PDB file of N, CA and C in Angstrom:
ATOM      1  N   MET A   1      -1.562  10.501  -5.198  1.00  0.00           N
ATOM      2  CA  MET A   1      -2.084  10.006  -6.453  1.00  0.00           C
ATOM      3  C   MET A   1      -3.161   8.969  -6.151  1.00  0.00           C
ATOM      4  N   ILE A   2      -4.235   9.052  -6.890  1.00  0.00           N
ATOM      5  CA  ILE A   2      -5.309   8.079  -6.728  1.00  0.00           C
ATOM      6  C   ILE A   2      -5.308   7.131  -7.925  1.00  0.00           C
ATOM      7  N   LYS A   3      -6.062   6.058  -7.803  1.00  0.00           N
ATOM      8  CA  LYS A   3      -6.059   5.003  -8.811  1.00  0.00           C
ATOM      9  C   LYS A   3      -6.343   5.540 -10.217  1.00  0.00           C
ATOM     10  N   SER A   4      -7.325   6.419 -10.359  1.00  0.00           N
ATOM     11  CA  SER A   4      -7.660   6.945 -11.686  1.00  0.00           C
ATOM     12  C   SER A   4      -6.501   7.748 -12.276  1.00  0.00           C
ATOM     13  N   GLN A   5      -5.755   8.454 -11.441  1.00  0.00           N
ATOM     14  CA  GLN A   5      -4.593   9.192 -11.921  1.00  0.00           C
ATOM     15  C   GLN A   5      -3.490   8.236 -12.384  1.00  0.00           C
ATOM     16  N   LEU A   6      -3.322   7.148 -11.657  1.00  0.00           N
ATOM     17  CA  LEU A   6      -2.339   6.133 -12.045  1.00  0.00           C
ATOM     18  C   LEU A   6      -2.693   5.552 -13.412  1.00  0.00           C
ATOM     19  N   ILE A   7      -3.959   5.272 -13.636  1.00  0.00           N
ATOM     20  CA  ILE A   7      -4.416   4.744 -14.923  1.00  0.00           C
ATOM     21  C   ILE A   7      -4.149   5.751 -16.034  1.00  0.00           C
ATOM     22  N   THR A   8      -4.428   7.023 -15.772  1.00  0.00           N
ATOM     23  CA  THR A   8      -4.189   8.081 -16.764  1.00  0.00           C
ATOM     24  C   THR A   8      -2.706   8.188 -17.113  1.00  0.00           C
ATOM     25  N   VAL A   9      -1.843   8.178 -16.109  1.00  0.00           N
ATOM     26  CA  VAL A   9      -0.388   8.267 -16.336  1.00  0.00           C
ATOM     27  C   VAL A   9       0.083   7.068 -17.155  1.00  0.00           C
ATOM     28  N   LEU A  10      -0.404   5.893 -16.825  1.00  0.00           N
ATOM     29  CA  LEU A  10      -0.018   4.687 -17.565  1.00  0.00           C
ATOM     30  C   LEU A  10      -0.432   4.801 -19.030  1.00  0.00           C
ATOM     31  N   SER A  11      -1.644   5.289 -19.277  1.00  0.00           N
ATOM     32  CA  SER A  11      -2.128   5.478 -20.657  1.00  0.00           C
ATOM     33  C   SER A  11      -1.297   6.513 -21.408  1.00  0.00           C
ATOM     34  N   GLU A  12      -0.904   7.580 -20.724  1.00  0.00           N
ATOM     35  CA  GLU A  12      -0.115   8.637 -21.364  1.00  0.00           C
ATOM     36  C   GLU A  12       1.299   8.169 -21.691  1.00  0.00           C
ATOM     37  N   ARG A  13       1.904   7.405 -20.798  1.00  0.00           N
ATOM     38  CA  ARG A  13       3.281   6.943 -21.013  1.00  0.00           C
ATOM     39  C   ARG A  13       3.365   5.806 -22.026  1.00  0.00           C
ATOM     40  N   HIS A  14       2.249   5.103 -22.198  1.00  0.00           N
ATOM     41  CA  HIS A  14       2.211   3.980 -23.134  1.00  0.00           C
ATOM     42  C   HIS A  14       1.022   4.153 -24.068  1.00  0.00           C
ATOM     43  N   PRO A  15       1.197   4.954 -25.137  1.00  0.00           N
ATOM     44  CA  PRO A  15       0.090   5.261 -26.051  1.00  0.00           C
ATOM     45  C   PRO A  15      -0.545   4.024 -26.689  1.00  0.00           C
ATOM     46  N   GLU A  16       0.201   2.921 -26.734  1.00  0.00           N
ATOM     47  CA  GLU A  16      -0.363   1.701 -27.311  1.00  0.00           C
ATOM     48  C   GLU A  16      -1.450   1.088 -26.422  1.00  0.00           C
ATOM     49  N   LEU A  17      -1.508   1.541 -25.174  1.00  0.00           N
ATOM     50  CA  LEU A  17      -2.543   1.059 -24.240  1.00  0.00           C
ATOM     51  C   LEU A  17      -3.706   2.046 -24.204  1.00  0.00           C
ATOM     52  N   THR A  18      -4.894   1.530 -24.409  1.00  0.00           N
ATOM     53  CA  THR A  18      -6.068   2.386 -24.261  1.00  0.00           C
ATOM     54  C   THR A  18      -6.319   2.591 -22.771  1.00  0.00           C
ATOM     55  N   ALA A  19      -7.181   3.535 -22.448  1.00  0.00           N
ATOM     56  CA  ALA A  19      -7.507   3.779 -21.040  1.00  0.00           C
ATOM     57  C   ALA A  19      -8.115   2.522 -20.422  1.00  0.00           C
ATOM     58  N   GLY A  20      -8.938   1.819 -21.198  1.00  0.00           N
ATOM     59  CA  GLY A  20      -9.563   0.588 -20.702  1.00  0.00           C
ATOM     60  C   GLY A  20      -8.551  -0.495 -20.392  1.00  0.00           C
ATOM     61  N   ARG A  21      -7.566  -0.645 -21.270  1.00  0.00           N
ATOM     62  CA  ARG A  21      -6.536  -1.665 -21.035  1.00  0.00           C
ATOM     63  C   ARG A  21      -5.618  -1.264 -19.880  1.00  0.00           C
ATOM     64  N   SER A  22      -5.357   0.031 -19.750  1.00  0.00           N
ATOM     65  CA  SER A  22      -4.546   0.508 -18.626  1.00  0.00           C
ATOM     66  C   SER A  22      -5.266   0.228 -17.310  1.00  0.00           C
ATOM     67  N   GLU A  23      -6.570   0.484 -17.289  1.00  0.00           N
ATOM     68  CA  GLU A  23      -7.360   0.220 -16.081  1.00  0.00           C
ATOM     69  C   GLU A  23      -7.349  -1.266 -15.751  1.00  0.00           C
ATOM     70  N   LYS A  24      -7.479  -2.099 -16.773  1.00  0.00           N
ATOM     71  CA  LYS A  24      -7.461  -3.548 -16.558  1.00  0.00           C
ATOM     72  C   LYS A  24      -6.109  -3.997 -16.004  1.00  0.00           C
ATOM     73  N   ALA A  25      -5.018  -3.411 -16.517  1.00  0.00           N
ATOM     74  CA  ALA A  25      -3.678  -3.761 -16.045  1.00  0.00           C
ATOM     75  C   ALA A  25      -3.497  -3.377 -14.574  1.00  0.00           C
ATOM     76  N   VAL A  26      -3.908  -2.159 -14.227  1.00  0.00           N
ATOM     77  CA  VAL A  26      -3.784  -1.695 -12.838  1.00  0.00           C
ATOM     78  C   VAL A  26      -4.637  -2.567 -11.920  1.00  0.00           C
ATOM     79  N   ASN A  27      -5.870  -2.843 -12.325  1.00  0.00           N
ATOM     80  CA  ASN A  27      -6.759  -3.685 -11.513  1.00  0.00           C
ATOM     81  C   ASN A  27      -6.198  -5.094 -11.332  1.00  0.00           C
ATOM     82  N   THR A  28      -5.601  -5.633 -12.378  1.00  0.00           N
ATOM     83  CA  THR A  28      -5.017  -6.974 -12.299  1.00  0.00           C
ATOM     84  C   THR A  28      -3.853  -6.999 -11.311  1.00  0.00           C
ATOM     85  N   ILE A  29      -2.995  -6.003 -11.374  1.00  0.00           N
ATOM     86  CA  ILE A  29      -1.852  -5.937 -10.452  1.00  0.00           C
ATOM     87  C   ILE A  29      -2.333  -5.827  -9.011  1.00  0.00           C
ATOM     88  N   LEU A  30      -3.264  -4.918  -8.759  1.00  0.00           N
ATOM     89  CA  LEU A  30      -3.758  -4.726  -7.389  1.00  0.00           C
ATOM     90  C   LEU A  30      -4.494  -5.960  -6.880  1.00  0.00           C
ATOM     91  N   GLU A  31      -5.275  -6.602  -7.735  1.00  0.00           N
ATOM     92  CA  GLU A  31      -6.000  -7.805  -7.335  1.00  0.00           C
ATOM     93  C   GLU A  31      -5.038  -8.952  -7.035  1.00  0.00           C
ATOM     94  N   THR A  32      -3.975  -9.053  -7.832  1.00  0.00           N
ATOM     95  CA  THR A  32      -2.977 -10.102  -7.606  1.00  0.00           C
ATOM     96  C   THR A  32      -2.270  -9.902  -6.276  1.00  0.00           C
ATOM     97  N   ILE A  33      -1.902  -8.681  -5.974  1.00  0.00           N
ATOM     98  CA  ILE A  33      -1.259  -8.381  -4.679  1.00  0.00           C
ATOM     99  C   ILE A  33      -2.225  -8.675  -3.545  1.00  0.00           C
ATOM    100  N   SER A  34      -3.472  -8.240  -3.675  1.00  0.00           N
ATOM    101  CA  SER A  34      -4.482  -8.466  -2.635  1.00  0.00           C
ATOM    102  C   SER A  34      -4.712  -9.958  -2.404  1.00  0.00           C
ATOM    103  N   SER A  35      -4.809 -10.716  -3.477  1.00  0.00           N
ATOM    104  CA  SER A  35      -5.034 -12.165  -3.363  1.00  0.00           C
ATOM    105  C   SER A  35      -3.867 -12.849  -2.659  1.00  0.00           C
ATOM    106  N   ALA A  36      -2.655 -12.463  -3.044  1.00  0.00           N
ATOM    107  CA  ALA A  36      -1.477 -13.066  -2.426  1.00  0.00           C
ATOM    108  C   ALA A  36      -1.460 -12.785  -0.924  1.00  0.00           C
ATOM    109  N   LEU A  37      -1.763 -11.552  -0.537  1.00  0.00           N
ATOM    110  CA  LEU A  37      -1.784 -11.206   0.889  1.00  0.00           C
ATOM    111  C   LEU A  37      -2.896 -11.958   1.609  1.00  0.00           C
ATOM    112  N   ALA A  38      -4.053 -12.105   0.969  1.00  0.00           N
ATOM    113  CA  ALA A  38      -5.169 -12.826   1.576  1.00  0.00           C
ATOM    114  C   ALA A  38      -4.812 -14.294   1.828  1.00  0.00           C
ATOM    115  N   HIS A  39      -3.908 -14.839   1.010  1.00  0.00           N
ATOM    116  CA  HIS A  39      -3.462 -16.222   1.199  1.00  0.00           C
ATOM    117  C   HIS A  39      -2.242 -16.317   2.105  1.00  0.00           C
ATOM    118  N   GLY A  40      -1.810 -15.189   2.669  1.00  0.00           N
ATOM    119  CA  GLY A  40      -0.687 -15.190   3.593  1.00  0.00           C
ATOM    120  C   GLY A  40       0.672 -15.099   2.928  1.00  0.00           C
ATOM    121  N   ASP A  41       0.699 -14.867   1.618  1.00  0.00           N
ATOM    122  CA  ASP A  41       1.967 -14.767   0.903  1.00  0.00           C
ATOM    123  C   ASP A  41       2.561 -13.366   1.054  1.00  0.00           C
ATOM    124  N   ARG A  42       3.832 -13.265   0.738  1.00  0.00           N
ATOM    125  CA  ARG A  42       4.555 -11.999   0.742  1.00  0.00           C
ATOM    126  C   ARG A  42       4.755 -11.586  -0.708  1.00  0.00           C
ATOM    127  N   VAL A  43       4.615 -10.293  -0.998  1.00  0.00           N
ATOM    128  CA  VAL A  43       4.815  -9.788  -2.353  1.00  0.00           C
ATOM    129  C   VAL A  43       5.955  -8.782  -2.323  1.00  0.00           C
ATOM    130  N   GLU A  44       7.006  -9.060  -3.091  1.00  0.00           N
ATOM    131  CA  GLU A  44       8.159  -8.168  -3.133  1.00  0.00           C
ATOM    132  C   GLU A  44       8.312  -7.596  -4.531  1.00  0.00           C
ATOM    133  N   LEU A  45       8.399  -6.276  -4.602  1.00  0.00           N
ATOM    134  CA  LEU A  45       8.643  -5.580  -5.860  1.00  0.00           C
ATOM    135  C   LEU A  45      10.010  -4.916  -5.720  1.00  0.00           C
ATOM    136  N   ARG A  46      11.019  -5.515  -6.331  1.00  0.00           N
ATOM    137  CA  ARG A  46      12.399  -5.032  -6.187  1.00  0.00           C
ATOM    138  C   ARG A  46      12.503  -3.547  -6.491  1.00  0.00           C
ATOM    139  N   GLY A  47      13.180  -2.822  -5.618  1.00  0.00           N
ATOM    140  CA  GLY A  47      13.367  -1.388  -5.790  1.00  0.00           C
ATOM    141  C   GLY A  47      12.198  -0.564  -5.274  1.00  0.00           C
ATOM    142  N   PHE A  48      11.069  -1.205  -5.035  1.00  0.00           N
ATOM    143  CA  PHE A  48       9.886  -0.486  -4.556  1.00  0.00           C
ATOM    144  C   PHE A  48       9.600  -0.823  -3.100  1.00  0.00           C
ATOM    145  N   GLY A  49       9.404  -2.101  -2.817  1.00  0.00           N
ATOM    146  CA  GLY A  49       9.136  -2.501  -1.445  1.00  0.00           C
ATOM    147  C   GLY A  49       8.497  -3.864  -1.374  1.00  0.00           C
ATOM    148  N   ALA A  50       8.092  -4.231  -0.164  1.00  0.00           N
ATOM    149  CA  ALA A  50       7.502  -5.546   0.071  1.00  0.00           C
ATOM    150  C   ALA A  50       6.217  -5.411   0.862  1.00  0.00           C
ATOM    151  N   PHE A  51       5.215  -6.158   0.432  1.00  0.00           N
ATOM    152  CA  PHE A  51       3.940  -6.238   1.127  1.00  0.00           C
ATOM    153  C   PHE A  51       3.896  -7.568   1.866  1.00  0.00           C
ATOM    154  N   SER A  52       3.422  -7.549   3.095  1.00  0.00           N
ATOM    155  CA  SER A  52       3.280  -8.782   3.852  1.00  0.00           C
ATOM    156  C   SER A  52       2.095  -8.624   4.803  1.00  0.00           C
ATOM    157  N   VAL A  53       1.820  -9.683   5.543  1.00  0.00           N
ATOM    158  CA  VAL A  53       0.724  -9.662   6.508  1.00  0.00           C
ATOM    159  C   VAL A  53       1.322  -9.865   7.890  1.00  0.00           C
ATOM    160  N   ARG A  54       0.902  -9.047   8.821  1.00  0.00           N
ATOM    161  CA  ARG A  54       1.361  -9.178  10.211  1.00  0.00           C
ATOM    162  C   ARG A  54       0.173  -9.441  11.121  1.00  0.00           C
ATOM    163  N   PHE A  55       0.432 -10.150  12.199  1.00  0.00           N
ATOM    164  CA  PHE A  55      -0.609 -10.460  13.177  1.00  0.00           C
ATOM    165  C   PHE A  55      -0.517  -9.482  14.334  1.00  0.00           C
ATOM    166  N   ARG A  56      -1.635  -8.918  14.704  1.00  0.00           N
ATOM    167  CA  ARG A  56      -1.701  -8.028  15.874  1.00  0.00           C
ATOM    168  C   ARG A  56      -2.522  -8.708  16.948  1.00  0.00           C
ATOM    169  N   GLU A  57      -1.949  -8.820  18.126  1.00  0.00           N
ATOM    170  CA  GLU A  57      -2.633  -9.423  19.278  1.00  0.00           C
ATOM    171  C   GLU A  57      -3.809  -8.560  19.707  1.00  0.00           C
ATOM    172  N   ALA A  58      -4.755  -9.176  20.396  1.00  0.00           N
ATOM    173  CA  ALA A  58      -5.874  -8.421  20.964  1.00  0.00           C
ATOM    174  C   ALA A  58      -5.319  -7.497  22.043  1.00  0.00           C
ATOM    175  N   ARG A  59      -5.951  -6.351  22.214  1.00  0.00           N
ATOM    176  CA  ARG A  59      -5.485  -5.406  23.237  1.00  0.00           C
ATOM    177  C   ARG A  59      -6.678  -4.633  23.779  1.00  0.00           C
ATOM    178  N   GLU A  60      -6.473  -4.028  24.930  1.00  0.00           N
ATOM    179  CA  GLU A  60      -7.553  -3.291  25.574  1.00  0.00           C
ATOM    180  C   GLU A  60      -7.256  -1.806  25.678  1.00  0.00           C
ATOM    181  N   ASN A  61      -6.360  -1.296  24.839  1.00  0.00           N
ATOM    182  CA  ASN A  61      -6.012   0.114  24.958  1.00  0.00           C
ATOM    183  C   ASN A  61      -6.678   0.968  23.884  1.00  0.00           C
ATOM    184  N   GLY A  62      -7.687   0.403  23.213  1.00  0.00           N
ATOM    185  CA  GLY A  62      -8.438   1.210  22.267  1.00  0.00           C
ATOM    186  C   GLY A  62      -9.398   2.126  23.015  1.00  0.00           C
ATOM    187  N   ARG A  63      -9.829   3.185  22.377  1.00  0.00           N
ATOM    188  CA  ARG A  63     -10.769   4.127  22.997  1.00  0.00           C
ATOM    189  C   ARG A  63     -11.904   4.422  22.026  1.00  0.00           C
ATOM    190  N   ASN A  64     -13.114   4.503  22.566  1.00  0.00           N
ATOM    191  CA  ASN A  64     -14.247   4.948  21.773  1.00  0.00           C
ATOM    192  C   ASN A  64     -14.076   6.456  21.606  1.00  0.00           C
ATOM    193  N   PRO A  65     -13.941   6.958  20.369  1.00  0.00           N
ATOM    194  CA  PRO A  65     -13.678   8.388  20.187  1.00  0.00           C
ATOM    195  C   PRO A  65     -14.825   9.282  20.658  1.00  0.00           C
ATOM    196  N   ARG A  66     -16.027   8.755  20.677  1.00  0.00           N
ATOM    197  CA  ARG A  66     -17.176   9.550  21.078  1.00  0.00           C
ATOM    198  C   ARG A  66     -17.285   9.671  22.601  1.00  0.00           C
ATOM    199  N   THR A  67     -17.080   8.533  23.305  1.00  0.00           N
ATOM    200  CA  THR A  67     -17.273   8.531  24.756  1.00  0.00           C
ATOM    201  C   THR A  67     -15.968   8.518  25.539  1.00  0.00           C
ATOM    202  N   GLY A  68     -14.884   8.101  24.895  1.00  0.00           N
ATOM    203  CA  GLY A  68     -13.606   8.013  25.594  1.00  0.00           C
ATOM    204  C   GLY A  68     -13.455   6.738  26.404  1.00  0.00           C
ATOM    205  N   GLU A  69     -14.474   5.860  26.382  1.00  0.00           N
ATOM    206  CA  GLU A  69     -14.414   4.615  27.146  1.00  0.00           C
ATOM    207  C   GLU A  69     -13.404   3.650  26.527  1.00  0.00           C
ATOM    208  N   PRO A  70     -12.725   2.870  27.385  1.00  0.00           N
ATOM    209  CA  PRO A  70     -11.794   1.861  26.856  1.00  0.00           C
ATOM    210  C   PRO A  70     -12.557   0.810  26.042  1.00  0.00           C
ATOM    211  N   VAL A  71     -11.938   0.349  24.972  1.00  0.00           N
ATOM    212  CA  VAL A  71     -12.555  -0.643  24.102  1.00  0.00           C
ATOM    213  C   VAL A  71     -11.551  -1.758  23.864  1.00  0.00           C
ATOM    214  N   THR A  72     -12.023  -2.996  23.841  1.00  0.00           N
ATOM    215  CA  THR A  72     -11.163  -4.118  23.511  1.00  0.00           C
ATOM    216  C   THR A  72     -11.069  -4.223  21.995  1.00  0.00           C
ATOM    217  N   VAL A  73      -9.846  -4.255  21.500  1.00  0.00           N
ATOM    218  CA  VAL A  73      -9.607  -4.403  20.065  1.00  0.00           C
ATOM    219  C   VAL A  73      -9.228  -5.857  19.830  1.00  0.00           C
ATOM    220  N   ARG A  74      -9.975  -6.546  18.966  1.00  0.00           N
ATOM    221  CA  ARG A  74      -9.743  -7.972  18.742  1.00  0.00           C
ATOM    222  C   ARG A  74      -8.431  -8.211  17.988  1.00  0.00           C
ATOM    223  N   ALA A  75      -7.926  -9.423  18.096  1.00  0.00           N
ATOM    224  CA  ALA A  75      -6.725  -9.817  17.352  1.00  0.00           C
ATOM    225  C   ALA A  75      -7.066  -9.828  15.867  1.00  0.00           C
ATOM    226  N   LYS A  76      -6.081  -9.486  15.046  1.00  0.00           N
ATOM    227  CA  LYS A  76      -6.352  -9.460  13.612  1.00  0.00           C
ATOM    228  C   LYS A  76      -5.061  -9.514  12.811  1.00  0.00           C
ATOM    229  N   HIS A  77      -5.220  -9.858  11.544  1.00  0.00           N
ATOM    230  CA  HIS A  77      -4.114  -9.829  10.587  1.00  0.00           C
ATOM    231  C   HIS A  77      -4.253  -8.539   9.799  1.00  0.00           C
ATOM    232  N   VAL A  78      -3.148  -7.825   9.631  1.00  0.00           N
ATOM    233  CA  VAL A  78      -3.182  -6.545   8.918  1.00  0.00           C
ATOM    234  C   VAL A  78      -2.100  -6.517   7.840  1.00  0.00           C
ATOM    235  N   PRO A  79      -2.392  -5.852   6.713  1.00  0.00           N
ATOM    236  CA  PRO A  79      -1.367  -5.719   5.676  1.00  0.00           C
ATOM    237  C   PRO A  79      -0.269  -4.771   6.151  1.00  0.00           C
ATOM    238  N   PHE A  80       0.947  -5.032   5.699  1.00  0.00           N
ATOM    239  CA  PHE A  80       2.099  -4.232   6.103  1.00  0.00           C
ATOM    240  C   PHE A  80       2.949  -3.979   4.865  1.00  0.00           C
ATOM    241  N   PHE A  81       3.468  -2.759   4.726  1.00  0.00           N
ATOM    242  CA  PHE A  81       4.333  -2.419   3.605  1.00  0.00           C
ATOM    243  C   PHE A  81       5.659  -1.912   4.135  1.00  0.00           C
ATOM    244  N   LYS A  82       6.730  -2.449   3.597  1.00  0.00           N
ATOM    245  CA  LYS A  82       8.065  -1.961   3.937  1.00  0.00           C
ATOM    246  C   LYS A  82       8.700  -1.452   2.662  1.00  0.00           C
ATOM    247  N   ALA A  83       9.001  -0.161   2.640  1.00  0.00           N
ATOM    248  CA  ALA A  83       9.590   0.464   1.450  1.00  0.00           C
ATOM    249  C   ALA A  83      10.985  -0.096   1.200  1.00  0.00           C
ATOM    250  N   GLY A  84      11.307  -0.277  -0.074  1.00  0.00           N
ATOM    251  CA  GLY A  84      12.626  -0.746  -0.471  1.00  0.00           C
ATOM    252  C   GLY A  84      13.645   0.379  -0.385  1.00  0.00           C
ATOM    253  N   LYS A  85      14.910   0.008  -0.438  1.00  0.00           N
ATOM    254  CA  LYS A  85      16.003   0.960  -0.310  1.00  0.00           C
ATOM    255  C   LYS A  85      15.941   2.044  -1.397  1.00  0.00           C
ATOM    256  N   GLU A  86      15.711   1.649  -2.642  1.00  0.00           N
ATOM    257  CA  GLU A  86      15.668   2.623  -3.735  1.00  0.00           C
ATOM    258  C   GLU A  86      14.516   3.611  -3.568  1.00  0.00           C
ATOM    259  N   LEU A  87      13.360   3.131  -3.135  1.00  0.00           N
ATOM    260  CA  LEU A  87      12.215   4.013  -2.917  1.00  0.00           C
ATOM    261  C   LEU A  87      12.504   4.988  -1.779  1.00  0.00           C
ATOM    262  N   ARG A  88      13.063   4.484  -0.682  1.00  0.00           N
ATOM    263  CA  ARG A  88      13.390   5.360   0.457  1.00  0.00           C
ATOM    264  C   ARG A  88      14.366   6.447   0.038  1.00  0.00           C
ATOM    265  N   GLN A  89      15.404   6.073  -0.729  1.00  0.00           N
ATOM    266  CA  GLN A  89      16.404   7.051  -1.175  1.00  0.00           C
ATOM    267  C   GLN A  89      15.784   8.081  -2.106  1.00  0.00           C
ATOM    268  N   ARG A  90      14.940   7.628  -3.016  1.00  0.00           N
ATOM    269  CA  ARG A  90      14.317   8.545  -3.971  1.00  0.00           C
ATOM    270  C   ARG A  90      13.412   9.555  -3.269  1.00  0.00           C
ATOM    271  N   VAL A  91      12.640   9.092  -2.295  1.00  0.00           N
ATOM    272  CA  VAL A  91      11.759   9.994  -1.541  1.00  0.00           C
ATOM    273  C   VAL A  91      12.591  10.970  -0.720  1.00  0.00           C
ATOM    274  N   ASP A  92      13.630  10.457  -0.089  1.00  0.00           N
ATOM    275  CA  ASP A  92      14.486  11.309   0.736  1.00  0.00           C
ATOM    276  C   ASP A  92      15.149  12.397  -0.102  1.00  0.00           C
ATOM    277  N   GLU A  93      15.668  12.038  -1.258  1.00  0.00           N
ATOM    278  CA  GLU A  93      16.349  13.007  -2.127  1.00  0.00           C
ATOM    279  C   GLU A  93      15.373  14.043  -2.691  1.00  0.00           C
ATOM    280  N   SER A  94      14.136  13.644  -2.926  1.00  0.00           N
ATOM    281  CA  SER A  94      13.162  14.568  -3.505  1.00  0.00           C
ATOM    282  C   SER A  94      12.691  15.615  -2.498  1.00  0.00           C
ATOM    283  N   ARG A  95      12.878  15.362  -1.221  1.00  0.00           N
ATOM    284  CA  ARG A  95      12.413  16.281  -0.177  1.00  0.00           C
ATOM    285  C   ARG A  95      13.413  17.374   0.138  1.00  0.00           C
ATOM    286  N   GLY A  96      14.647  17.238  -0.274  1.00  0.00           N
ATOM    287  CA  GLY A  96      15.652  18.248  -0.004  1.00  0.00           C
ATOM    288  C   GLY A  96      16.097  18.218   1.440  1.00  0.00           C
ATOM    289  N   PRO A  97      16.916  19.205   1.832  1.00  0.00           N
ATOM    290  CA  PRO A  97      17.421  19.233   3.210  1.00  0.00           C
ATOM    291  C   PRO A  97      16.292  19.450   4.201  1.00  0.00           C
ATOM    292  N   GLU A  98      16.489  18.901   5.378  1.00  0.00           N
ATOM    293  CA  GLU A  98      15.466  19.014   6.431  1.00  0.00           C
ATOM    294  C   GLU A  98      15.289  20.478   6.831  1.00  0.00           C
ATOM    295  N   ARG A  99      14.039  20.862   6.946  1.00  0.00           N
ATOM    296  CA  ARG A  99      13.734  22.241   7.356  1.00  0.00           C
ATOM    297  C   ARG A  99      13.567  22.301   8.866  1.00  0.00           C
ATOM    298  N   LYS A 100      14.112  23.341   9.449  1.00  0.00           N
ATOM    299  CA  LYS A 100      14.026  23.480  10.906  1.00  0.00           C
ATOM    300  C   LYS A 100      13.196  24.666  11.286  1.00  0.00           C
TER     301      LYS A 100
END
């Protein structure tokens, strides 16, 4: 699902919201999560999951895909998402038994 589809679903499920207001609501939620992560905060949505920021050390095991030469990857902070228990169970149940 992409952002525009999320806005459409929100508008359909809540007829009192126009498409414009649905878009504003989605943008506000995403901007709030992004801002919190940019400030180093953790965002937890019960039943869905938690967003946080993790630090990755610099490393030299990167590769230039064009030449294959080793590349140094600088240290950086990256966003991280950990799915909540309810989300994991719902996804697992929707997939059915494992196919072999």
